Amino acid sequence: MGKCKNITRLLSDALDRPLTAGEWVSVGLHLPTCSGCRNYRKHIGLLRAASREVSGLDGAGEVRPEE
C-alpha cells in the first residue's frame, strides 16, 4: 500500500505543479499494474473539471464571462 500512497500523492501533486521526470517514471511504471491508482487518477480529473465548471473558472484559471 505504501507504493499506492506515494503514487496517489504524486497524481494529486501533478494537478498543482509539474512533476519531475523521475516522478513521472514512477507513476508510469505503477499505473499499468494498479487499477486502484488508475481509478484515482480518473476521479481526481473528474472532480477538478466539475469544480472548475461550478466555480466559473476556465482551464487557465481565469473567470469566464457571464453567458
Protein backbone atom coordinates (compact mmCIF):
# COMPACT_ATOMS: atom_id res chain seq x y z
CA MET A 1 0.00 0.00 0.00
CA GLY A 2 2.94 2.34 0.52
CA LYS A 3 3.57 2.45 -3.21
CA CYS A 4 -0.05 3.38 -3.93
CA LYS A 5 0.03 6.09 -1.28
CA ASN A 6 3.10 7.62 -2.96
CA ILE A 7 1.58 7.37 -6.45
CA THR A 8 -1.75 8.92 -5.45
CA ARG A 9 0.17 11.77 -3.78
CA LEU A 10 2.11 12.31 -7.00
CA LEU A 11 -1.09 12.25 -9.05
CA SER A 12 -2.57 14.91 -6.78
CA ASP A 13 0.64 16.95 -6.89
CA ALA A 14 0.56 16.84 -10.70
CA LEU A 15 -2.62 18.92 -10.62
CA ASP A 16 -0.75 21.76 -8.92
CA ARG A 17 2.84 21.52 -10.11
CA PRO A 18 4.91 19.90 -12.84
CA LEU A 19 6.26 16.53 -11.78
CA THR A 20 9.92 15.71 -12.29
CA ALA A 21 10.95 13.16 -14.89
CA GLY A 22 11.66 10.64 -12.12
CA GLU A 23 8.22 11.18 -10.61
CA TRP A 24 6.55 10.63 -13.99
CA VAL A 25 8.56 7.43 -14.46
CA SER A 26 7.35 6.16 -11.08
CA VAL A 27 3.75 6.95 -11.97
CA GLY A 28 4.08 5.49 -15.47
CA LEU A 29 5.52 2.22 -14.19
CA HIS A 30 2.89 1.84 -11.47
CA LEU A 31 -0.35 2.73 -13.28
CA PRO A 32 -0.45 -0.20 -15.74
CA THR A 33 -0.43 -2.65 -12.83
CA CYS A 34 -2.79 -0.88 -10.42
CA SER A 35 -6.46 -0.37 -11.21
CA GLY A 36 -7.00 1.47 -7.93
CA CYS A 37 -4.49 4.19 -8.81
CA ARG A 38 -5.85 4.41 -12.37
CA ASN A 39 -9.33 4.94 -10.94
CA TYR A 40 -7.96 7.56 -8.53
CA ARG A 41 -6.37 9.46 -11.44
CA LYS A 42 -9.64 9.36 -13.37
CA HIS A 43 -11.70 10.54 -10.41
CA ILE A 44 -9.47 13.44 -9.41
CA GLY A 45 -9.59 14.64 -13.01
CA LEU A 46 -13.39 14.50 -12.98
CA LEU A 47 -13.53 16.32 -9.65
CA ARG A 48 -11.23 19.05 -10.90
CA ALA A 49 -13.29 19.54 -14.06
CA ALA A 50 -16.52 19.65 -12.05
CA SER A 51 -15.15 22.16 -9.56
CA ARG A 52 -13.97 24.41 -12.40
CA GLU A 53 -17.38 24.20 -14.01
CA VAL A 54 -19.17 25.10 -10.78
CA SER A 55 -16.74 27.88 -9.89
CA GLY A 56 -16.90 29.50 -13.31
CA LEU A 57 -13.15 29.16 -13.94
CA ASP A 58 -11.83 28.17 -17.34
CA GLY A 59 -8.88 25.82 -17.86
CA ALA A 60 -6.37 28.66 -17.43
CA GLY A 61 -7.76 29.60 -14.01
CA GLU A 62 -9.50 32.72 -15.30
CA VAL A 63 -13.12 33.58 -14.69
CA ARG A 64 -15.35 33.02 -17.70
CA PRO A 65 -17.60 35.88 -18.78
CA GLU A 66 -21.28 35.61 -17.93
CA GLU A 67 -23.33 33.99 -20.70
